[in-house]
Amino acid sequence: MVTRLLVFLLLFSLHGRAAIVDTVDTYSAAMKKNIRAVVIRPTQATAPLPVLYLLHGYSGNYADWISKVKDLAKGADLYRMMIVCPDGGFGSWYWDSPIDPAFQYETYITRELIPFIDKKFNTIADKKARAITGLSMGGHGALFLAIRHQQLFGAAGSISGGVDIRPFPENWDMAKRLGNYAEQPDRWEKSTVINQLYLLKPNSLAMIIDCGTSDFFYEVNEALHRQLLYRNIPHDYITRPGVHDWKYWGNAIWYQFLFFSRYFEAET
């Protein structure tokens, strides 16, 4: 009877929690505009928190994750972390565009948003307590930023990520940010995740990669997985039946929450 009562009270306390969801505006000096982000915090948190940056996909915005994934905010309470969902613009791919000054999102995330979040909220301002992931364009962005800025991120993930952009030279506004592939091949080669792997050392960045087997990005994720194996870079790699949609992403994010929570617990 006592055991049943304890289980009931635990379940009641978990379901009774309601994470704190805020929307904040940050000013980007690099792009000279205000950019919004959703910030989700666990209730009754007094100790400094680790932070997961969660990026949206192409044509999305800062509100996608919280509005389209049921109970997303509960992840903050269950895993005792802060979740930050920034706006990445329409087709930014989270690069600093060499041709469009209105798209400087690598600078925004790494030099403007992170310092703002650490100053405004009670965070653990250390790479061991900071992770980044995202879906599709955001999966590319998360791995691209984390690999290039390992001083900022200790862990990174990708869900259905466009981890090699080169097979898609005419898609998703990428040519608007980099120039045409045929005319600017060097930019494209330097701006794809799979060509950033030389920056990694074994265990320098904890990684989780997830993609559905019927996703149009499945083959590039398979290629990334093989390259990581070849280079002896530890990583979690998950595939299962699924396509490029919110049903898949809404399921996958909970595996990523668990991965990052275990990473934070081990490191902090």
C-alpha atoms as a PDB file:
ATOM      1  CA  MET A   1       0.000   0.000   0.000  1.00  0.00           C
ATOM      2  CA  VAL A   2       2.809   2.412   0.923  1.00  0.00           C
ATOM      3  CA  THR A   3       4.644   1.630  -2.315  1.00  0.00           C
ATOM      4  CA  ARG A   4       1.494   2.251  -4.381  1.00  0.00           C
ATOM      5  CA  LEU A   5       0.911   5.532  -2.572  1.00  0.00           C
ATOM      6  CA  LEU A   6       4.475   6.700  -3.236  1.00  0.00           C
ATOM      7  CA  VAL A   7       4.154   5.821  -6.925  1.00  0.00           C
ATOM      8  CA  PHE A   8       0.835   7.672  -7.117  1.00  0.00           C
ATOM      9  CA  LEU A   9       2.283  10.758  -5.452  1.00  0.00           C
ATOM     10  CA  LEU A  10       5.303  10.711  -7.776  1.00  0.00           C
ATOM     11  CA  LEU A  11       3.129  10.452 -10.881  1.00  0.00           C
ATOM     12  CA  PHE A  12       0.813  13.158  -9.578  1.00  0.00           C
ATOM     13  CA  SER A  13       3.718  15.512  -8.903  1.00  0.00           C
ATOM     14  CA  LEU A  14       5.163  14.970 -12.374  1.00  0.00           C
ATOM     15  CA  HIS A  15       1.861  15.482 -14.162  1.00  0.00           C
ATOM     16  CA  GLY A  16       0.963  18.386 -11.923  1.00  0.00           C
ATOM     17  CA  ARG A  17       4.018  20.399 -12.859  1.00  0.00           C
ATOM     18  CA  ALA A  18       3.748  23.117 -15.455  1.00  0.00           C
ATOM     19  CA  ALA A  19       7.048  24.386 -16.786  1.00  0.00           C
ATOM     20  CA  ILE A  20       7.504  28.129 -17.107  1.00  0.00           C
ATOM     21  CA  VAL A  21       7.320  29.214 -20.747  1.00  0.00           C
ATOM     22  CA  ASP A  22       8.548  32.699 -21.669  1.00  0.00           C
ATOM     23  CA  THR A  23       9.135  34.527 -24.930  1.00  0.00           C
ATOM     24  CA  VAL A  24      12.145  36.828 -24.961  1.00  0.00           C
ATOM     25  CA  ASP A  25      13.473  39.323 -27.484  1.00  0.00           C
ATOM     26  CA  THR A  26      17.193  39.531 -28.094  1.00  0.00           C
ATOM     27  CA  TYR A  27      18.876  42.222 -30.137  1.00  0.00           C
ATOM     28  CA  SER A  28      21.332  41.058 -32.766  1.00  0.00           C
ATOM     29  CA  ALA A  29      23.978  43.683 -33.413  1.00  0.00           C
ATOM     30  CA  ALA A  30      25.254  41.521 -36.283  1.00  0.00           C
ATOM     31  CA  MET A  31      21.901  41.688 -38.089  1.00  0.00           C
ATOM     32  CA  LYS A  32      20.577  44.917 -36.532  1.00  0.00           C
ATOM     33  CA  LYS A  33      17.214  43.476 -35.529  1.00  0.00           C
ATOM     34  CA  ASN A  34      15.341  41.923 -32.628  1.00  0.00           C
ATOM     35  CA  ILE A  35      15.012  38.144 -32.659  1.00  0.00           C
ATOM     36  CA  ARG A  36      12.589  36.123 -30.552  1.00  0.00           C
ATOM     37  CA  ALA A  37      13.146  32.926 -28.624  1.00  0.00           C
ATOM     38  CA  VAL A  38      11.010  30.671 -26.464  1.00  0.00           C
ATOM     39  CA  VAL A  39      12.587  29.884 -23.092  1.00  0.00           C
ATOM     40  CA  ILE A  40      11.236  26.941 -21.099  1.00  0.00           C
ATOM     41  CA  ARG A  41      12.272  26.525 -17.465  1.00  0.00           C
ATOM     42  CA  PRO A  42      11.416  23.841 -14.932  1.00  0.00           C
ATOM     43  CA  THR A  43       9.194  24.866 -12.056  1.00  0.00           C
ATOM     44  CA  GLN A  44      10.687  25.424  -8.626  1.00  0.00           C
ATOM     45  CA  ALA A  45      14.225  25.460  -9.960  1.00  0.00           C
ATOM     46  CA  THR A  46      16.592  27.207  -7.565  1.00  0.00           C
ATOM     47  CA  ALA A  47      19.947  25.760  -8.617  1.00  0.00           C
ATOM     48  CA  PRO A  48      21.635  26.896 -11.843  1.00  0.00           C
ATOM     49  CA  LEU A  49      20.398  24.916 -14.846  1.00  0.00           C
ATOM     50  CA  PRO A  50      21.978  23.268 -17.881  1.00  0.00           C
ATOM     51  CA  VAL A  51      20.636  24.559 -21.198  1.00  0.00           C
ATOM     52  CA  LEU A  52      19.515  22.794 -24.368  1.00  0.00           C
ATOM     53  CA  TYR A  53      19.247  24.980 -27.470  1.00  0.00           C
ATOM     54  CA  LEU A  54      16.558  23.547 -29.761  1.00  0.00           C
ATOM     55  CA  LEU A  55      16.541  24.732 -33.390  1.00  0.00           C
ATOM     56  CA  HIS A  56      13.626  24.733 -35.834  1.00  0.00           C
ATOM     57  CA  GLY A  57      13.630  23.704 -39.485  1.00  0.00           C
ATOM     58  CA  TYR A  58      13.287  25.465 -42.818  1.00  0.00           C
ATOM     59  CA  SER A  59      10.257  27.797 -43.039  1.00  0.00           C
ATOM     60  CA  GLY A  60       9.693  27.411 -39.291  1.00  0.00           C
ATOM     61  CA  ASN A  61      10.160  29.830 -36.412  1.00  0.00           C
ATOM     62  CA  TYR A  62      10.913  30.065 -32.702  1.00  0.00           C
ATOM     63  CA  ALA A  63       7.413  28.841 -31.731  1.00  0.00           C
ATOM     64  CA  ASP A  64       7.437  25.623 -33.792  1.00  0.00           C
ATOM     65  CA  TRP A  65       8.636  23.205 -31.143  1.00  0.00           C
ATOM     66  CA  ILE A  66       6.426  24.449 -28.328  1.00  0.00           C
ATOM     67  CA  SER A  67       3.311  24.712 -30.507  1.00  0.00           C
ATOM     68  CA  LYS A  68       3.628  21.464 -32.471  1.00  0.00           C
ATOM     69  CA  VAL A  69       4.978  18.950 -29.959  1.00  0.00           C
ATOM     70  CA  LYS A  70       2.504  18.061 -27.248  1.00  0.00           C
ATOM     71  CA  ASP A  71       3.881  18.337 -23.728  1.00  0.00           C
ATOM     72  CA  LEU A  72       7.291  19.535 -24.951  1.00  0.00           C
ATOM     73  CA  ALA A  73       7.527  21.835 -21.946  1.00  0.00           C
ATOM     74  CA  LYS A  74       7.324  18.821 -19.632  1.00  0.00           C
ATOM     75  CA  GLY A  75      10.777  17.879 -20.831  1.00  0.00           C
ATOM     76  CA  ALA A  76      12.178  20.802 -18.862  1.00  0.00           C
ATOM     77  CA  ASP A  77      10.588  19.513 -15.642  1.00  0.00           C
ATOM     78  CA  LEU A  78      11.270  15.832 -16.177  1.00  0.00           C
ATOM     79  CA  TYR A  79      14.923  16.360 -17.054  1.00  0.00           C
ATOM     80  CA  ARG A  80      15.616  19.524 -15.031  1.00  0.00           C
ATOM     81  CA  MET A  81      17.017  21.586 -17.855  1.00  0.00           C
ATOM     82  CA  MET A  82      16.264  24.870 -19.559  1.00  0.00           C
ATOM     83  CA  ILE A  83      15.177  24.673 -23.204  1.00  0.00           C
ATOM     84  CA  VAL A  84      15.773  27.626 -25.531  1.00  0.00           C
ATOM     85  CA  CYS A  85      14.115  27.696 -28.963  1.00  0.00           C
ATOM     86  CA  PRO A  86      15.553  30.602 -30.985  1.00  0.00           C
ATOM     87  CA  ASP A  87      14.291  31.955 -34.259  1.00  0.00           C
ATOM     88  CA  GLY A  88      16.616  30.974 -37.080  1.00  0.00           C
ATOM     89  CA  GLY A  89      14.966  32.936 -39.857  1.00  0.00           C
ATOM     90  CA  PHE A  90      13.396  31.598 -43.039  1.00  0.00           C
ATOM     91  CA  GLY A  91      16.091  29.436 -44.588  1.00  0.00           C
ATOM     92  CA  SER A  92      19.157  30.652 -42.687  1.00  0.00           C
ATOM     93  CA  TRP A  93      20.668  27.175 -42.199  1.00  0.00           C
ATOM     94  CA  TYR A  94      22.314  28.859 -39.188  1.00  0.00           C
ATOM     95  CA  TRP A  95      25.284  30.079 -41.214  1.00  0.00           C
ATOM     96  CA  ASP A  96      26.842  33.502 -41.466  1.00  0.00           C
ATOM     97  CA  SER A  97      25.922  34.204 -45.062  1.00  0.00           C
ATOM     98  CA  PRO A  98      28.819  35.705 -47.037  1.00  0.00           C
ATOM     99  CA  ILE A  99      26.367  37.449 -49.388  1.00  0.00           C
ATOM    100  CA  ASP A 100      23.397  38.462 -47.220  1.00  0.00           C
ATOM    101  CA  PRO A 101      24.064  40.612 -44.136  1.00  0.00           C
ATOM    102  CA  ALA A 102      20.526  39.894 -42.906  1.00  0.00           C
ATOM    103  CA  PHE A 103      21.498  36.239 -42.317  1.00  0.00           C
ATOM    104  CA  GLN A 104      24.304  36.058 -39.759  1.00  0.00           C
ATOM    105  CA  TYR A 105      22.900  33.324 -37.571  1.00  0.00           C
ATOM    106  CA  GLU A 106      26.139  31.595 -36.595  1.00  0.00           C
ATOM    107  CA  THR A 107      27.243  34.852 -34.993  1.00  0.00           C
ATOM    108  CA  TYR A 108      23.809  35.376 -33.458  1.00  0.00           C
ATOM    109  CA  ILE A 109      23.609  31.981 -31.753  1.00  0.00           C
ATOM    110  CA  THR A 110      27.222  31.752 -30.586  1.00  0.00           C
ATOM    111  CA  ARG A 111      28.080  35.361 -29.729  1.00  0.00           C
ATOM    112  CA  GLU A 112      24.780  37.065 -28.956  1.00  0.00           C
ATOM    113  CA  LEU A 113      22.083  34.631 -27.814  1.00  0.00           C
ATOM    114  CA  ILE A 114      24.159  32.441 -25.501  1.00  0.00           C
ATOM    115  CA  PRO A 115      25.627  35.371 -23.525  1.00  0.00           C
ATOM    116  CA  PHE A 116      22.132  36.887 -23.263  1.00  0.00           C
ATOM    117  CA  ILE A 117      20.624  33.662 -21.880  1.00  0.00           C
ATOM    118  CA  ASP A 118      23.472  33.149 -19.404  1.00  0.00           C
ATOM    119  CA  LYS A 119      23.148  36.737 -18.169  1.00  0.00           C
ATOM    120  CA  LYS A 120      19.357  36.852 -17.894  1.00  0.00           C
ATOM    121  CA  PHE A 121      18.691  33.374 -16.469  1.00  0.00           C
ATOM    122  CA  ASN A 122      20.181  31.175 -13.765  1.00  0.00           C
ATOM    123  CA  THR A 123      22.225  28.868 -15.972  1.00  0.00           C
ATOM    124  CA  ILE A 124      25.409  26.864 -15.616  1.00  0.00           C
ATOM    125  CA  ALA A 125      27.512  28.930 -17.994  1.00  0.00           C
ATOM    126  CA  ASP A 126      29.843  26.157 -19.088  1.00  0.00           C
ATOM    127  CA  LYS A 127      30.112  23.949 -22.173  1.00  0.00           C
ATOM    128  CA  LYS A 128      29.593  20.877 -19.993  1.00  0.00           C
ATOM    129  CA  ALA A 129      26.110  22.164 -19.240  1.00  0.00           C
ATOM    130  CA  ARG A 130      25.233  23.380 -22.738  1.00  0.00           C
ATOM    131  CA  ALA A 131      23.895  21.321 -25.666  1.00  0.00           C
ATOM    132  CA  ILE A 132      22.270  22.024 -29.016  1.00  0.00           C
ATOM    133  CA  THR A 133      20.004  20.045 -31.334  1.00  0.00           C
ATOM    134  CA  GLY A 134      17.324  20.618 -33.937  1.00  0.00           C
ATOM    135  CA  LEU A 135      15.293  19.210 -36.786  1.00  0.00           C
ATOM    136  CA  SER A 136      16.024  19.246 -40.521  1.00  0.00           C
ATOM    137  CA  MET A 137      17.708  22.608 -41.224  1.00  0.00           C
ATOM    138  CA  GLY A 138      18.075  22.884 -37.455  1.00  0.00           C
ATOM    139  CA  GLY A 139      19.733  19.478 -37.277  1.00  0.00           C
ATOM    140  CA  HIS A 140      22.321  20.717 -39.741  1.00  0.00           C
ATOM    141  CA  GLY A 141      22.632  23.958 -37.774  1.00  0.00           C
ATOM    142  CA  ALA A 142      23.067  22.227 -34.429  1.00  0.00           C
ATOM    143  CA  LEU A 143      25.893  19.958 -35.581  1.00  0.00           C
ATOM    144  CA  PHE A 144      27.496  22.689 -37.688  1.00  0.00           C
ATOM    145  CA  LEU A 145      27.587  25.154 -34.780  1.00  0.00           C
ATOM    146  CA  ALA A 146      28.614  22.614 -32.145  1.00  0.00           C
ATOM    147  CA  ILE A 147      31.463  21.158 -34.180  1.00  0.00           C
ATOM    148  CA  ARG A 148      32.790  24.620 -35.041  1.00  0.00           C
ATOM    149  CA  HIS A 149      32.333  25.976 -31.486  1.00  0.00           C
ATOM    150  CA  GLN A 150      33.332  23.170 -29.172  1.00  0.00           C
ATOM    151  CA  GLN A 151      34.358  25.752 -26.592  1.00  0.00           C
ATOM    152  CA  LEU A 152      30.637  26.526 -26.196  1.00  0.00           C
ATOM    153  CA  PHE A 153      28.900  23.146 -26.553  1.00  0.00           C
ATOM    154  CA  GLY A 154      29.656  19.859 -24.879  1.00  0.00           C
ATOM    155  CA  ALA A 155      26.923  17.899 -26.653  1.00  0.00           C
ATOM    156  CA  ALA A 156      24.967  18.123 -29.897  1.00  0.00           C
ATOM    157  CA  GLY A 157      22.242  16.318 -31.774  1.00  0.00           C
ATOM    158  CA  SER A 158      20.330  16.192 -35.010  1.00  0.00           C
ATOM    159  CA  ILE A 159      16.866  14.951 -35.946  1.00  0.00           C
ATOM    160  CA  SER A 160      16.268  14.363 -39.674  1.00  0.00           C
ATOM    161  CA  GLY A 161      19.149  16.741 -40.294  1.00  0.00           C
ATOM    162  CA  GLY A 162      20.366  17.986 -43.655  1.00  0.00           C
ATOM    163  CA  VAL A 163      23.878  16.994 -42.661  1.00  0.00           C
ATOM    164  CA  ASP A 164      25.250  17.140 -46.198  1.00  0.00           C
ATOM    165  CA  ILE A 165      23.837  19.990 -48.254  1.00  0.00           C
ATOM    166  CA  ARG A 166      25.690  19.246 -51.494  1.00  0.00           C
ATOM    167  CA  PRO A 167      23.123  16.826 -52.987  1.00  0.00           C
ATOM    168  CA  PHE A 168      20.494  19.595 -52.794  1.00  0.00           C
ATOM    169  CA  PRO A 169      21.975  22.618 -54.593  1.00  0.00           C
ATOM    170  CA  GLU A 170      18.631  24.087 -55.670  1.00  0.00           C
ATOM    171  CA  ASN A 171      16.617  23.527 -52.509  1.00  0.00           C
ATOM    172  CA  TRP A 172      15.553  25.474 -49.425  1.00  0.00           C
ATOM    173  CA  ASP A 173      17.085  28.876 -50.232  1.00  0.00           C
ATOM    174  CA  MET A 174      20.630  27.645 -49.689  1.00  0.00           C
ATOM    175  CA  ALA A 175      21.877  29.282 -52.885  1.00  0.00           C
ATOM    176  CA  LYS A 176      20.488  32.590 -51.603  1.00  0.00           C
ATOM    177  CA  ARG A 177      22.815  32.347 -48.615  1.00  0.00           C
ATOM    178  CA  LEU A 178      25.922  30.835 -50.257  1.00  0.00           C
ATOM    179  CA  GLY A 179      25.628  31.575 -53.961  1.00  0.00           C
ATOM    180  CA  ASN A 180      25.104  28.942 -56.644  1.00  0.00           C
ATOM    181  CA  TYR A 181      26.988  25.705 -56.032  1.00  0.00           C
ATOM    182  CA  ALA A 182      28.394  25.677 -59.563  1.00  0.00           C
ATOM    183  CA  GLU A 183      29.801  29.187 -59.076  1.00  0.00           C
ATOM    184  CA  GLN A 184      30.811  28.961 -55.414  1.00  0.00           C
ATOM    185  CA  PRO A 185      31.734  25.307 -54.767  1.00  0.00           C
ATOM    186  CA  ASP A 186      34.262  26.189 -52.075  1.00  0.00           C
ATOM    187  CA  ARG A 187      31.601  27.895 -49.961  1.00  0.00           C
ATOM    188  CA  TRP A 188      29.351  24.867 -50.174  1.00  0.00           C
ATOM    189  CA  GLU A 189      32.155  22.467 -49.325  1.00  0.00           C
ATOM    190  CA  LYS A 190      33.033  24.494 -46.232  1.00  0.00           C
ATOM    191  CA  SER A 191      29.403  24.919 -45.152  1.00  0.00           C
ATOM    192  CA  THR A 192      28.295  21.295 -44.921  1.00  0.00           C
ATOM    193  CA  VAL A 193      28.418  19.328 -41.687  1.00  0.00           C
ATOM    194  CA  ILE A 194      30.075  16.241 -43.123  1.00  0.00           C
ATOM    195  CA  ASN A 195      33.111  18.315 -44.130  1.00  0.00           C
ATOM    196  CA  GLN A 196      33.539  19.688 -40.601  1.00  0.00           C
ATOM    197  CA  LEU A 197      34.423  16.326 -39.061  1.00  0.00           C
ATOM    198  CA  TYR A 198      38.158  16.984 -39.209  1.00  0.00           C
ATOM    199  CA  LEU A 199      37.596  19.374 -36.285  1.00  0.00           C
ATOM    200  CA  LEU A 200      36.451  16.538 -34.020  1.00  0.00           C
ATOM    201  CA  LYS A 201      38.551  14.378 -31.748  1.00  0.00           C
ATOM    202  CA  PRO A 202      37.193  11.222 -30.127  1.00  0.00           C
ATOM    203  CA  ASN A 203      34.943  12.197 -27.189  1.00  0.00           C
ATOM    204  CA  SER A 204      35.421  15.932 -27.729  1.00  0.00           C
ATOM    205  CA  LEU A 205      31.681  16.320 -28.407  1.00  0.00           C
ATOM    206  CA  ALA A 206      28.882  14.011 -27.255  1.00  0.00           C
ATOM    207  CA  MET A 207      26.572  13.417 -30.235  1.00  0.00           C
ATOM    208  CA  ILE A 208      23.207  11.851 -30.998  1.00  0.00           C
ATOM    209  CA  ILE A 209      21.930  11.587 -34.583  1.00  0.00           C
ATOM    210  CA  ASP A 210      18.451  10.365 -35.534  1.00  0.00           C
ATOM    211  CA  CYS A 211      16.765   9.970 -38.925  1.00  0.00           C
ATOM    212  CA  GLY A 212      13.802   8.045 -40.311  1.00  0.00           C
ATOM    213  CA  THR A 213      14.505   5.377 -42.908  1.00  0.00           C
ATOM    214  CA  SER A 214      12.033   6.920 -45.392  1.00  0.00           C
ATOM    215  CA  ASP A 215      13.319  10.461 -44.926  1.00  0.00           C
ATOM    216  CA  PHE A 216      14.870  12.196 -47.944  1.00  0.00           C
ATOM    217  CA  PHE A 217      17.840  13.004 -45.678  1.00  0.00           C
ATOM    218  CA  TYR A 218      18.326   9.352 -44.681  1.00  0.00           C
ATOM    219  CA  GLU A 219      21.198   8.660 -47.084  1.00  0.00           C
ATOM    220  CA  VAL A 220      23.216  11.707 -46.018  1.00  0.00           C
ATOM    221  CA  ASN A 221      22.734  10.706 -42.376  1.00  0.00           C
ATOM    222  CA  GLU A 222      23.933   7.200 -43.182  1.00  0.00           C
ATOM    223  CA  ALA A 223      27.001   8.698 -44.860  1.00  0.00           C
ATOM    224  CA  LEU A 224      27.693  10.898 -41.834  1.00  0.00           C
ATOM    225  CA  HIS A 225      27.379   7.883 -39.531  1.00  0.00           C
ATOM    226  CA  ARG A 226      29.877   5.928 -41.648  1.00  0.00           C
ATOM    227  CA  GLN A 227      32.335   8.810 -41.629  1.00  0.00           C
ATOM    228  CA  LEU A 228      32.098   9.116 -37.846  1.00  0.00           C
ATOM    229  CA  LEU A 229      32.739   5.388 -37.493  1.00  0.00           C
ATOM    230  CA  TYR A 230      35.710   5.624 -39.850  1.00  0.00           C
ATOM    231  CA  ARG A 231      37.172   8.441 -37.749  1.00  0.00           C
ATOM    232  CA  ASN A 232      36.511   6.588 -34.454  1.00  0.00           C
ATOM    233  CA  ILE A 233      34.207   9.363 -33.217  1.00  0.00           C
ATOM    234  CA  PRO A 234      31.783   7.963 -30.622  1.00  0.00           C
ATOM    235  CA  HIS A 235      28.144   8.873 -31.235  1.00  0.00           C
ATOM    236  CA  ASP A 236      24.629   7.534 -30.777  1.00  0.00           C
ATOM    237  CA  TYR A 237      22.939   6.808 -34.095  1.00  0.00           C
ATOM    238  CA  ILE A 238      19.226   5.990 -34.293  1.00  0.00           C
ATOM    239  CA  THR A 239      17.156   4.998 -37.315  1.00  0.00           C
ATOM    240  CA  ARG A 240      13.617   3.643 -37.414  1.00  0.00           C
ATOM    241  CA  PRO A 241      10.688   3.755 -39.825  1.00  0.00           C
ATOM    242  CA  GLY A 242       9.568   7.303 -40.403  1.00  0.00           C
ATOM    243  CA  VAL A 243       9.445  10.266 -42.745  1.00  0.00           C
ATOM    244  CA  HIS A 244      10.230  13.978 -42.559  1.00  0.00           C
ATOM    245  CA  ASP A 245       7.337  15.111 -40.388  1.00  0.00           C
ATOM    246  CA  TRP A 246       6.285  16.265 -36.931  1.00  0.00           C
ATOM    247  CA  LYS A 247       5.104  12.792 -35.933  1.00  0.00           C
ATOM    248  CA  TYR A 248       8.685  11.597 -36.221  1.00  0.00           C
ATOM    249  CA  TRP A 249      10.266  14.699 -34.676  1.00  0.00           C
ATOM    250  CA  GLY A 250       7.832  14.779 -31.760  1.00  0.00           C
ATOM    251  CA  ASN A 251       8.841  11.237 -30.881  1.00  0.00           C
ATOM    252  CA  ALA A 252      12.563  11.658 -31.491  1.00  0.00           C
ATOM    253  CA  ILE A 253      12.962  14.667 -29.210  1.00  0.00           C
ATOM    254  CA  TRP A 254      12.304  12.550 -26.119  1.00  0.00           C
ATOM    255  CA  TYR A 255      15.226  10.265 -26.941  1.00  0.00           C
ATOM    256  CA  GLN A 256      17.354  13.364 -27.279  1.00  0.00           C
ATOM    257  CA  PHE A 257      16.121  14.799 -23.983  1.00  0.00           C
ATOM    258  CA  LEU A 258      17.227  11.588 -22.269  1.00  0.00           C
ATOM    259  CA  PHE A 259      20.618  11.629 -24.014  1.00  0.00           C
ATOM    260  CA  PHE A 260      21.352  15.219 -23.022  1.00  0.00           C
ATOM    261  CA  SER A 261      20.042  14.743 -19.482  1.00  0.00           C
ATOM    262  CA  ARG A 262      22.406  11.820 -18.948  1.00  0.00           C
ATOM    263  CA  TYR A 263      25.250  13.862 -20.417  1.00  0.00           C
ATOM    264  CA  PHE A 264      24.531  16.787 -18.080  1.00  0.00           C
ATOM    265  CA  GLU A 265      24.292  14.498 -15.061  1.00  0.00           C
ATOM    266  CA  ALA A 266      27.622  12.892 -15.873  1.00  0.00           C
ATOM    267  CA  GLU A 267      29.438  16.149 -16.528  1.00  0.00           C
ATOM    268  CA  THR A 268      27.970  18.479 -13.901  1.00  0.00           C
END
